[in-house]
Amino acid sequence: MRSLKLTVIACAAVLASGCATLEEASIGLSCMLSQVTNSADPNCAKQAGAAPATSTGAQADRFGRLQTALNQETQQAQSAQARAIEAMRNLPVNLRGVAGPVRTKPIEITDSQSHSTRRLIGFSSVSVDMPLAAKGRPEYTRAMDTLKELANQLADNRGSSAIVVTQSEADVKAGRVNTQTGTSQTSHGKPVSVQKQSDASLPAGIERYTIQAGEIRGQL
């Protein structure tokens, strides 16, 4: 499955300096986010060293390009949710996954050159309700693999992510669900935490999987 490293018009030079051409600026979303979070990414090192861009237009352009990258991250999460739902489409209705909300939230980003701050909108979380009765079926497994891969991709881009599993209180009391938590790592060593919580309002026989992106912190 395709990596979340979407090609966007962005680079370390956009975030910390300027770019000579659009072609030179075209790299992965993870590069842009690694610069925003002040997290070094060796794959982006080759982009460093361009001449600084200090004009108001260049600063606005950096904000704009970052917002474009954040929008694409949200679109990628929506696509993953749609693929997870599609994977279960041929099952009986009561065994299919149900799409939940795709949430975004404001992110305050400061330009280190101009010291101006903009409020951008970034991806926060996406949810899918999964029937317990579908577990063990290949369609369920494919859907879960899609959600887990999204969590791994987000962790690589953001530095961390979480899979929050909301379980019916009735299912927890009856011992019908696994309540174990833990943390795994992506192939790049980024943490993905699995968190469990119970909810009396969630119908028995349903687990709600919410994929949450890690926080973005730092300056342009």
C-alpha atoms as a PDB file:
ATOM      1  CA  MET A   1       0.000   0.000   0.000  1.00  0.00           C
ATOM      2  CA  ARG A   2       1.246   3.447  -0.819  1.00  0.00           C
ATOM      3  CA  SER A   3       3.121   5.316   1.858  1.00  0.00           C
ATOM      4  CA  LEU A   4       1.719   8.475   3.363  1.00  0.00           C
ATOM      5  CA  LYS A   5       4.811  10.224   2.008  1.00  0.00           C
ATOM      6  CA  LEU A   6       2.783  12.084  -0.579  1.00  0.00           C
ATOM      7  CA  THR A   7       4.610  14.308  -3.026  1.00  0.00           C
ATOM      8  CA  VAL A   8       3.834  17.932  -2.250  1.00  0.00           C
ATOM      9  CA  ILE A   9       5.457  21.236  -3.111  1.00  0.00           C
ATOM     10  CA  ALA A  10       7.423  21.520   0.090  1.00  0.00           C
ATOM     11  CA  CYS A  11      10.875  21.025   1.560  1.00  0.00           C
ATOM     12  CA  ALA A  12      13.114  21.935   4.428  1.00  0.00           C
ATOM     13  CA  ALA A  13      14.117  24.968   2.411  1.00  0.00           C
ATOM     14  CA  VAL A  14      10.489  26.083   2.325  1.00  0.00           C
ATOM     15  CA  LEU A  15      10.161  25.755   6.065  1.00  0.00           C
ATOM     16  CA  ALA A  16      13.511  27.147   7.163  1.00  0.00           C
ATOM     17  CA  SER A  17      14.592  29.014   4.037  1.00  0.00           C
ATOM     18  CA  GLY A  18      13.659  29.271   0.363  1.00  0.00           C
ATOM     19  CA  CYS A  19      13.420  27.026  -2.699  1.00  0.00           C
ATOM     20  CA  ALA A  20      14.975  27.788  -6.066  1.00  0.00           C
ATOM     21  CA  THR A  21      12.378  25.894  -8.131  1.00  0.00           C
ATOM     22  CA  LEU A  22       9.178  23.984  -7.601  1.00  0.00           C
ATOM     23  CA  GLU A  23      10.891  20.792  -8.767  1.00  0.00           C
ATOM     24  CA  GLU A  24      13.594  21.132  -6.107  1.00  0.00           C
ATOM     25  CA  ALA A  25      10.885  21.729  -3.511  1.00  0.00           C
ATOM     26  CA  SER A  26       8.921  18.577  -4.329  1.00  0.00           C
ATOM     27  CA  ILE A  27       9.461  15.968  -1.575  1.00  0.00           C
ATOM     28  CA  GLY A  28       7.412  13.942   0.892  1.00  0.00           C
ATOM     29  CA  LEU A  29       4.894  15.173   3.445  1.00  0.00           C
ATOM     30  CA  SER A  30       6.934  13.544   6.206  1.00  0.00           C
ATOM     31  CA  CYS A  31       9.847  15.852   5.364  1.00  0.00           C
ATOM     32  CA  MET A  32       7.673  18.908   5.850  1.00  0.00           C
ATOM     33  CA  LEU A  33       6.260  17.642   9.136  1.00  0.00           C
ATOM     34  CA  SER A  34       9.691  16.633  10.435  1.00  0.00           C
ATOM     35  CA  GLN A  35      10.825  20.228   9.980  1.00  0.00           C
ATOM     36  CA  VAL A  36       7.723  21.647  11.667  1.00  0.00           C
ATOM     37  CA  THR A  37       8.243  19.383  14.673  1.00  0.00           C
ATOM     38  CA  ASN A  38      11.993  20.133  14.756  1.00  0.00           C
ATOM     39  CA  SER A  39      12.591  16.384  14.336  1.00  0.00           C
ATOM     40  CA  ALA A  40      15.580  15.581  12.145  1.00  0.00           C
ATOM     41  CA  ASP A  41      14.864  13.366   9.148  1.00  0.00           C
ATOM     42  CA  PRO A  42      17.974  12.128   7.285  1.00  0.00           C
ATOM     43  CA  ASN A  43      15.902  11.795   4.127  1.00  0.00           C
ATOM     44  CA  CYS A  44      15.481  15.576   4.112  1.00  0.00           C
ATOM     45  CA  ALA A  45      19.096  16.536   4.758  1.00  0.00           C
ATOM     46  CA  LYS A  46      19.834  16.935   1.064  1.00  0.00           C
ATOM     47  CA  GLN A  47      17.297  19.761   0.906  1.00  0.00           C
ATOM     48  CA  ALA A  48      19.140  21.971   3.395  1.00  0.00           C
ATOM     49  CA  GLY A  49      21.399  24.862   2.556  1.00  0.00           C
ATOM     50  CA  ALA A  50      19.316  27.004   0.232  1.00  0.00           C
ATOM     51  CA  ALA A  51      19.433  30.780   0.517  1.00  0.00           C
ATOM     52  CA  PRO A  52      17.132  32.216   3.223  1.00  0.00           C
ATOM     53  CA  ALA A  53      13.797  33.635   2.186  1.00  0.00           C
ATOM     54  CA  THR A  54      12.792  36.614   4.283  1.00  0.00           C
ATOM     55  CA  SER A  55      10.112  38.397   2.277  1.00  0.00           C
ATOM     56  CA  THR A  56       6.530  38.549   3.502  1.00  0.00           C
ATOM     57  CA  GLY A  57       5.425  36.724   0.374  1.00  0.00           C
ATOM     58  CA  ALA A  58       7.853  33.879   0.976  1.00  0.00           C
ATOM     59  CA  GLN A  59       6.702  33.535   4.586  1.00  0.00           C
ATOM     60  CA  ALA A  60       3.064  33.417   3.503  1.00  0.00           C
ATOM     61  CA  ASP A  61       4.004  30.868   0.873  1.00  0.00           C
ATOM     62  CA  ARG A  62       5.549  28.605   3.537  1.00  0.00           C
ATOM     63  CA  PHE A  63       2.335  28.750   5.568  1.00  0.00           C
ATOM     64  CA  GLY A  64       0.327  27.998   2.451  1.00  0.00           C
ATOM     65  CA  ARG A  65       2.450  25.027   1.491  1.00  0.00           C
ATOM     66  CA  LEU A  66       2.290  23.621   4.979  1.00  0.00           C
ATOM     67  CA  GLN A  67      -1.508  23.915   4.935  1.00  0.00           C
ATOM     68  CA  THR A  68      -1.547  22.080   1.590  1.00  0.00           C
ATOM     69  CA  ALA A  69       0.488  19.260   3.122  1.00  0.00           C
ATOM     70  CA  LEU A  70      -1.814  19.088   6.147  1.00  0.00           C
ATOM     71  CA  ASN A  71      -4.844  18.964   3.851  1.00  0.00           C
ATOM     72  CA  GLN A  72      -3.315  16.050   1.974  1.00  0.00           C
ATOM     73  CA  GLU A  73      -2.718  14.220   5.245  1.00  0.00           C
ATOM     74  CA  THR A  74      -6.433  14.581   6.066  1.00  0.00           C
ATOM     75  CA  GLN A  75      -7.340  13.331   2.593  1.00  0.00           C
ATOM     76  CA  GLN A  76      -5.073  10.319   3.063  1.00  0.00           C
ATOM     77  CA  ALA A  77      -6.836   9.464   6.332  1.00  0.00           C
ATOM     78  CA  GLN A  78     -10.220   9.756   4.608  1.00  0.00           C
ATOM     79  CA  SER A  79      -8.984   7.457   1.855  1.00  0.00           C
ATOM     80  CA  ALA A  80      -7.771   4.866   4.378  1.00  0.00           C
ATOM     81  CA  GLN A  81     -11.134   4.945   6.131  1.00  0.00           C
ATOM     82  CA  ALA A  82     -12.933   4.447   2.801  1.00  0.00           C
ATOM     83  CA  ARG A  83     -10.683   1.475   1.925  1.00  0.00           C
ATOM     84  CA  ALA A  84     -11.351  -0.120   5.309  1.00  0.00           C
ATOM     85  CA  ILE A  85     -15.102   0.200   4.798  1.00  0.00           C
ATOM     86  CA  GLU A  86     -14.842  -1.076   1.224  1.00  0.00           C
ATOM     87  CA  ALA A  87     -12.905  -4.154   2.386  1.00  0.00           C
ATOM     88  CA  MET A  88     -16.003  -5.267   4.350  1.00  0.00           C
ATOM     89  CA  ARG A  89     -18.636  -4.217   1.817  1.00  0.00           C
ATOM     90  CA  ASN A  90     -19.522  -7.771   0.729  1.00  0.00           C
ATOM     91  CA  LEU A  91     -20.168  -9.034   4.252  1.00  0.00           C
ATOM     92  CA  PRO A  92     -23.714  -9.153   5.667  1.00  0.00           C
ATOM     93  CA  VAL A  93     -24.849  -5.715   6.817  1.00  0.00           C
ATOM     94  CA  ASN A  94     -24.473  -6.528  10.514  1.00  0.00           C
ATOM     95  CA  LEU A  95     -20.840  -7.559   9.958  1.00  0.00           C
ATOM     96  CA  ARG A  96     -19.704  -4.500   8.035  1.00  0.00           C
ATOM     97  CA  GLY A  97     -17.577  -1.679   9.367  1.00  0.00           C
ATOM     98  CA  VAL A  98     -19.232   1.709   9.775  1.00  0.00           C
ATOM     99  CA  ALA A  99     -17.363   4.938   9.104  1.00  0.00           C
ATOM    100  CA  GLY A 100     -17.180   7.424  11.938  1.00  0.00           C
ATOM    101  CA  PRO A 101     -16.077  11.071  11.909  1.00  0.00           C
ATOM    102  CA  VAL A 102     -12.865  12.394  10.386  1.00  0.00           C
ATOM    103  CA  ARG A 103     -11.762  15.165  12.716  1.00  0.00           C
ATOM    104  CA  THR A 104      -9.423  18.107  12.230  1.00  0.00           C
ATOM    105  CA  LYS A 105      -8.313  20.791  14.658  1.00  0.00           C
ATOM    106  CA  PRO A 106      -6.558  24.172  14.675  1.00  0.00           C
ATOM    107  CA  ILE A 107      -2.754  24.142  14.915  1.00  0.00           C
ATOM    108  CA  GLU A 108      -0.839  27.274  15.900  1.00  0.00           C
ATOM    109  CA  ILE A 109       2.365  27.608  13.840  1.00  0.00           C
ATOM    110  CA  THR A 110       4.884  30.441  14.262  1.00  0.00           C
ATOM    111  CA  ASP A 111       7.275  31.646  11.566  1.00  0.00           C
ATOM    112  CA  SER A 112      10.706  31.865  13.187  1.00  0.00           C
ATOM    113  CA  GLN A 113      11.797  34.573  10.745  1.00  0.00           C
ATOM    114  CA  SER A 114       8.867  36.996  10.936  1.00  0.00           C
ATOM    115  CA  HIS A 115       7.615  35.776  14.347  1.00  0.00           C
ATOM    116  CA  SER A 116       4.101  35.886  12.914  1.00  0.00           C
ATOM    117  CA  THR A 117       1.685  33.123  13.895  1.00  0.00           C
ATOM    118  CA  ARG A 118      -0.963  31.466  11.782  1.00  0.00           C
ATOM    119  CA  ARG A 119      -3.713  29.103  12.748  1.00  0.00           C
ATOM    120  CA  LEU A 120      -3.684  26.193  10.322  1.00  0.00           C
ATOM    121  CA  ILE A 121      -6.042  23.217  10.209  1.00  0.00           C
ATOM    122  CA  GLY A 122      -4.555  19.752  10.593  1.00  0.00           C
ATOM    123  CA  PHE A 123      -5.784  16.173  10.764  1.00  0.00           C
ATOM    124  CA  SER A 124      -6.626  14.928  14.240  1.00  0.00           C
ATOM    125  CA  SER A 125      -8.385  11.535  14.095  1.00  0.00           C
ATOM    126  CA  VAL A 126     -10.527   9.117  12.103  1.00  0.00           C
ATOM    127  CA  SER A 127     -12.854   6.407  13.448  1.00  0.00           C
ATOM    128  CA  VAL A 128     -14.394   3.153  12.231  1.00  0.00           C
ATOM    129  CA  ASP A 129     -16.861   0.974  14.154  1.00  0.00           C
ATOM    130  CA  MET A 130     -15.954  -2.717  13.785  1.00  0.00           C
ATOM    131  CA  PRO A 131     -18.354  -5.584  14.697  1.00  0.00           C
ATOM    132  CA  LEU A 132     -16.864  -8.218  16.988  1.00  0.00           C
ATOM    133  CA  ALA A 133     -18.735 -10.916  15.054  1.00  0.00           C
ATOM    134  CA  ALA A 134     -16.640 -10.159  11.944  1.00  0.00           C
ATOM    135  CA  LYS A 135     -13.322 -10.937  13.640  1.00  0.00           C
ATOM    136  CA  GLY A 136     -11.441 -13.762  11.993  1.00  0.00           C
ATOM    137  CA  ARG A 137     -12.884 -13.071   8.552  1.00  0.00           C
ATOM    138  CA  PRO A 138     -10.409 -12.003   5.869  1.00  0.00           C
ATOM    139  CA  GLU A 139     -12.455  -8.893   5.139  1.00  0.00           C
ATOM    140  CA  TYR A 140     -12.129  -7.792   8.766  1.00  0.00           C
ATOM    141  CA  THR A 141      -8.399  -8.486   8.698  1.00  0.00           C
ATOM    142  CA  ARG A 142      -7.926  -6.394   5.534  1.00  0.00           C
ATOM    143  CA  ALA A 143      -9.856  -3.504   7.056  1.00  0.00           C
ATOM    144  CA  MET A 144      -7.818  -3.627  10.253  1.00  0.00           C
ATOM    145  CA  ASP A 145      -4.548  -3.837   8.313  1.00  0.00           C
ATOM    146  CA  THR A 146      -5.535  -0.633   6.506  1.00  0.00           C
ATOM    147  CA  LEU A 147      -6.213   1.189   9.776  1.00  0.00           C
ATOM    148  CA  LYS A 148      -3.007  -0.089  11.367  1.00  0.00           C
ATOM    149  CA  GLU A 149      -0.980   0.996   8.363  1.00  0.00           C
ATOM    150  CA  LEU A 150      -2.505   4.465   8.597  1.00  0.00           C
ATOM    151  CA  ALA A 151      -1.466   4.604  12.263  1.00  0.00           C
ATOM    152  CA  ASN A 152       2.095   3.623  11.305  1.00  0.00           C
ATOM    153  CA  GLN A 153       2.241   6.184   8.520  1.00  0.00           C
ATOM    154  CA  LEU A 154       0.977   8.946  10.806  1.00  0.00           C
ATOM    155  CA  ALA A 155       3.541   7.993  13.443  1.00  0.00           C
ATOM    156  CA  ASP A 156       6.333   8.250  10.875  1.00  0.00           C
ATOM    157  CA  ASN A 157       5.088  11.686   9.801  1.00  0.00           C
ATOM    158  CA  ARG A 158       4.171  13.124  13.190  1.00  0.00           C
ATOM    159  CA  GLY A 159       6.619  11.297  15.455  1.00  0.00           C
ATOM    160  CA  SER A 160       3.867   9.264  17.148  1.00  0.00           C
ATOM    161  CA  SER A 161       0.277   8.112  16.809  1.00  0.00           C
ATOM    162  CA  ALA A 162      -2.329   6.208  18.790  1.00  0.00           C
ATOM    163  CA  ILE A 163      -4.958   3.569  18.131  1.00  0.00           C
ATOM    164  CA  VAL A 164      -7.723   4.211  20.656  1.00  0.00           C
ATOM    165  CA  VAL A 165     -10.095   1.253  20.952  1.00  0.00           C
ATOM    166  CA  THR A 166     -13.422   2.082  22.565  1.00  0.00           C
ATOM    167  CA  GLN A 167     -15.233  -1.015  23.809  1.00  0.00           C
ATOM    168  CA  SER A 168     -18.738  -1.568  25.057  1.00  0.00           C
ATOM    169  CA  GLU A 169     -18.906  -1.625  28.831  1.00  0.00           C
ATOM    170  CA  ALA A 170     -21.067  -4.725  28.577  1.00  0.00           C
ATOM    171  CA  ASP A 171     -18.482  -6.508  26.438  1.00  0.00           C
ATOM    172  CA  VAL A 172     -15.696  -5.602  28.856  1.00  0.00           C
ATOM    173  CA  LYS A 173     -17.633  -6.896  31.862  1.00  0.00           C
ATOM    174  CA  ALA A 174     -18.469 -10.107  30.035  1.00  0.00           C
ATOM    175  CA  GLY A 175     -14.839 -10.653  29.006  1.00  0.00           C
ATOM    176  CA  ARG A 176     -15.708 -10.697  25.309  1.00  0.00           C
ATOM    177  CA  VAL A 177     -12.958  -8.259  24.317  1.00  0.00           C
ATOM    178  CA  ASN A 178      -9.219  -7.959  24.777  1.00  0.00           C
ATOM    179  CA  THR A 179      -8.459  -5.014  27.054  1.00  0.00           C
ATOM    180  CA  GLN A 180      -4.672  -5.244  26.815  1.00  0.00           C
ATOM    181  CA  THR A 181      -2.803  -2.060  25.887  1.00  0.00           C
ATOM    182  CA  GLY A 182       0.732  -1.518  24.663  1.00  0.00           C
ATOM    183  CA  THR A 183       3.059   0.314  22.325  1.00  0.00           C
ATOM    184  CA  SER A 184       4.620  -0.879  19.085  1.00  0.00           C
ATOM    185  CA  GLN A 185       7.114   0.799  16.777  1.00  0.00           C
ATOM    186  CA  THR A 186       7.052   1.508  13.079  1.00  0.00           C
ATOM    187  CA  SER A 187       9.869   0.335  10.824  1.00  0.00           C
ATOM    188  CA  HIS A 188      11.391   3.777  11.412  1.00  0.00           C
ATOM    189  CA  GLY A 189      11.248   3.413  15.192  1.00  0.00           C
ATOM    190  CA  LYS A 190       8.282   5.747  15.838  1.00  0.00           C
ATOM    191  CA  PRO A 191       5.834   4.753  18.630  1.00  0.00           C
ATOM    192  CA  VAL A 192       2.237   3.700  18.009  1.00  0.00           C
ATOM    193  CA  SER A 193       0.347   3.297  21.275  1.00  0.00           C
ATOM    194  CA  VAL A 194      -2.729   1.089  21.620  1.00  0.00           C
ATOM    195  CA  GLN A 195      -5.140   2.472  24.194  1.00  0.00           C
ATOM    196  CA  LYS A 196      -8.370   0.866  25.413  1.00  0.00           C
ATOM    197  CA  GLN A 197     -11.368   2.508  27.019  1.00  0.00           C
ATOM    198  CA  SER A 198     -14.909   1.402  27.825  1.00  0.00           C
ATOM    199  CA  ASP A 199     -18.086   3.294  27.018  1.00  0.00           C
ATOM    200  CA  ALA A 200     -21.523   2.443  28.369  1.00  0.00           C
ATOM    201  CA  SER A 201     -23.171   4.166  25.394  1.00  0.00           C
ATOM    202  CA  LEU A 202     -21.454   1.961  22.788  1.00  0.00           C
ATOM    203  CA  PRO A 203     -23.651  -0.994  21.744  1.00  0.00           C
ATOM    204  CA  ALA A 204     -22.508  -4.473  22.739  1.00  0.00           C
ATOM    205  CA  GLY A 205     -20.699  -6.286  19.946  1.00  0.00           C
ATOM    206  CA  ILE A 206     -18.992  -3.171  18.564  1.00  0.00           C
ATOM    207  CA  GLU A 207     -15.441  -1.859  18.955  1.00  0.00           C
ATOM    208  CA  ARG A 208     -14.697   1.673  17.797  1.00  0.00           C
ATOM    209  CA  TYR A 209     -11.177   2.116  16.402  1.00  0.00           C
ATOM    210  CA  THR A 210      -9.967   5.715  16.394  1.00  0.00           C
ATOM    211  CA  ILE A 211      -6.641   6.490  14.740  1.00  0.00           C
ATOM    212  CA  GLN A 212      -5.151   9.618  16.294  1.00  0.00           C
ATOM    213  CA  ALA A 213      -2.244  11.600  14.868  1.00  0.00           C
ATOM    214  CA  GLY A 214       0.542  12.845  17.139  1.00  0.00           C
ATOM    215  CA  GLU A 215       0.783  16.527  17.915  1.00  0.00           C
ATOM    216  CA  ILE A 216       2.618  18.949  15.647  1.00  0.00           C
ATOM    217  CA  ARG A 217       4.855  21.319  17.560  1.00  0.00           C
ATOM    218  CA  GLY A 218       7.543  23.774  16.528  1.00  0.00           C
ATOM    219  CA  GLN A 219       8.181  26.694  14.228  1.00  0.00           C
ATOM    220  CA  LEU A 220       8.601  27.239  10.536  1.00  0.00           C
END
